[in-house]
Structures are given as structure tokens and as C-alpha cells.
C-alpha atoms as a PDB file:
ATOM      1  CA  UNK A   1       0.000   0.000   0.000  1.00  0.00           C
ATOM      2  CA  UNK A   2       1.476   3.321  -1.074  1.00  0.00           C
ATOM      3  CA  UNK A   3       1.067   6.326   1.207  1.00  0.00           C
ATOM      4  CA  UNK A   4      -0.474   9.237  -0.687  1.00  0.00           C
ATOM      5  CA  UNK A   5       0.809  12.780  -0.255  1.00  0.00           C
ATOM      6  CA  UNK A   6      -1.294  15.833  -1.097  1.00  0.00           C
ATOM      7  CA  UNK A   7       0.257  18.509  -3.335  1.00  0.00           C
ATOM      8  CA  UNK A   8       2.291  21.243  -1.661  1.00  0.00           C
ATOM      9  CA  UNK A   9       0.012  23.661   0.231  1.00  0.00           C
ATOM     10  CA  UNK A  10       2.182  26.591  -0.902  1.00  0.00           C
ATOM     11  CA  UNK A  11       2.830  26.053  -4.607  1.00  0.00           C
ATOM     12  CA  UNK A  12       0.886  22.901  -5.564  1.00  0.00           C
ATOM     13  CA  UNK A  13       4.076  21.005  -6.413  1.00  0.00           C
ATOM     14  CA  UNK A  14       4.722  17.293  -5.952  1.00  0.00           C
ATOM     15  CA  UNK A  15       5.861  16.158  -2.499  1.00  0.00           C
ATOM     16  CA  UNK A  16       8.224  13.346  -1.494  1.00  0.00           C
ATOM     17  CA  UNK A  17       9.380  11.663   1.709  1.00  0.00           C
ATOM     18  CA  UNK A  18      12.804  12.755   2.955  1.00  0.00           C
ATOM     19  CA  UNK A  19      15.102  10.127   4.454  1.00  0.00           C
ATOM     20  CA  UNK A  20      14.556  10.106   8.253  1.00  0.00           C
ATOM     21  CA  UNK A  21      17.433  11.790  10.107  1.00  0.00           C
ATOM     22  CA  UNK A  22      18.700  10.380  13.415  1.00  0.00           C
ATOM     23  CA  UNK A  23      18.528  12.831  16.311  1.00  0.00           C
ATOM     24  CA  UNK A  24      21.946  12.784  17.974  1.00  0.00           C
ATOM     25  CA  UNK A  25      22.023  11.265  21.457  1.00  0.00           C
ATOM     26  CA  UNK A  26      18.434   9.970  21.343  1.00  0.00           C
ATOM     27  CA  UNK A  27      16.406   6.997  20.145  1.00  0.00           C
ATOM     28  CA  UNK A  28      14.429   9.328  17.884  1.00  0.00           C
ATOM     29  CA  UNK A  29      14.608  10.417  14.274  1.00  0.00           C
ATOM     30  CA  UNK A  30      12.901  13.200  12.346  1.00  0.00           C
ATOM     31  CA  UNK A  31      10.550  12.150   9.566  1.00  0.00           C
ATOM     32  CA  UNK A  32       9.482  14.767   7.035  1.00  0.00           C
ATOM     33  CA  UNK A  33       8.036  15.521   3.622  1.00  0.00           C
ATOM     34  CA  UNK A  34       9.411  18.120   1.201  1.00  0.00           C
ATOM     35  CA  UNK A  35       8.069  19.783  -1.945  1.00  0.00           C
ATOM     36  CA  UNK A  36      10.119  19.031  -5.074  1.00  0.00           C
ATOM     37  CA  UNK A  37       9.168  22.363  -6.642  1.00  0.00           C
ATOM     38  CA  UNK A  38       9.582  25.024  -3.915  1.00  0.00           C
ATOM     39  CA  UNK A  39      11.441  23.090  -1.207  1.00  0.00           C
ATOM     40  CA  UNK A  40       8.796  23.673   1.476  1.00  0.00           C
ATOM     41  CA  UNK A  41       9.220  21.396   4.472  1.00  0.00           C
ATOM     42  CA  UNK A  42       6.904  22.834   7.142  1.00  0.00           C
ATOM     43  CA  UNK A  43       6.856  19.790   9.427  1.00  0.00           C
ATOM     44  CA  UNK A  44       9.498  17.487  10.871  1.00  0.00           C
ATOM     45  CA  UNK A  45       7.944  14.861  13.129  1.00  0.00           C
ATOM     46  CA  UNK A  46      10.002  13.166  15.837  1.00  0.00           C
ATOM     47  CA  UNK A  47       9.389   9.417  15.815  1.00  0.00           C
ATOM     48  CA  UNK A  48      11.013   6.438  17.529  1.00  0.00           C
ATOM     49  CA  UNK A  49      13.829   5.201  15.298  1.00  0.00           C
ATOM     50  CA  UNK A  50      12.783   1.573  15.899  1.00  0.00           C
ATOM     51  CA  UNK A  51       9.553   2.062  13.950  1.00  0.00           C
ATOM     52  CA  UNK A  52       9.114   0.520  10.525  1.00  0.00           C
ATOM     53  CA  UNK A  53       9.790   2.823   7.554  1.00  0.00           C
ATOM     54  CA  UNK A  54       6.083   2.751   6.675  1.00  0.00           C
ATOM     55  CA  UNK A  55       5.176   3.908  10.191  1.00  0.00           C
ATOM     56  CA  UNK A  56       7.645   6.795   9.930  1.00  0.00           C
ATOM     57  CA  UNK A  57       6.217   7.767   6.544  1.00  0.00           C
ATOM     58  CA  UNK A  58       2.646   7.565   7.860  1.00  0.00           C
ATOM     59  CA  UNK A  59       3.502  10.000  10.677  1.00  0.00           C
ATOM     60  CA  UNK A  60       5.116  12.470   8.257  1.00  0.00           C
ATOM     61  CA  UNK A  61       2.265  12.126   5.743  1.00  0.00           C
ATOM     62  CA  UNK A  62      -0.342  12.768   8.436  1.00  0.00           C
ATOM     63  CA  UNK A  63       1.317  16.114   9.291  1.00  0.00           C
ATOM     64  CA  UNK A  64       1.892  17.062   5.630  1.00  0.00           C
ATOM     65  CA  UNK A  65      -1.619  16.186   4.484  1.00  0.00           C
ATOM     66  CA  UNK A  66      -3.288  18.138   7.293  1.00  0.00           C
ATOM     67  CA  UNK A  67      -4.971  21.261   5.947  1.00  0.00           C
ATOM     68  CA  UNK A  68      -6.759  24.099   7.760  1.00  0.00           C
END
């Protein structure tokens, strides 16, 4: 099952999942989504690094896809 990302809320560009980055000195990593067109990356979600990649992506997608 592929996780769907909405278009960028700023420019309408295509979004992609960034590679999770380990947070130094913790058991956490930051999961995020970025726009390919304008580079917007409004959310970086801290998640437990032991989670599956799909769980990390789901957390980042949930924040990215949220709209007011």
C-alpha cells in the first residue's frame, strides 16, 4: 500500500518523503516531507527510530496532508 501525499500547500508542487534523520544522542529520528518544486518542508515529526519505515512515513504524511 502506497502512502499518498497531497500537493504542496504553498505552490501545488509534488511532495516526497525525505530520508529520516537520526537525532543525535536519542532513540528518535525526524521524519518529514518536502516539496520538489519550492522546497517547502513545514513539518518534521520526531518518531522512535525503531519504527518501521512505513510507520515513519505515515507519521510524516499525516502532518503534511493536514490542511486548515
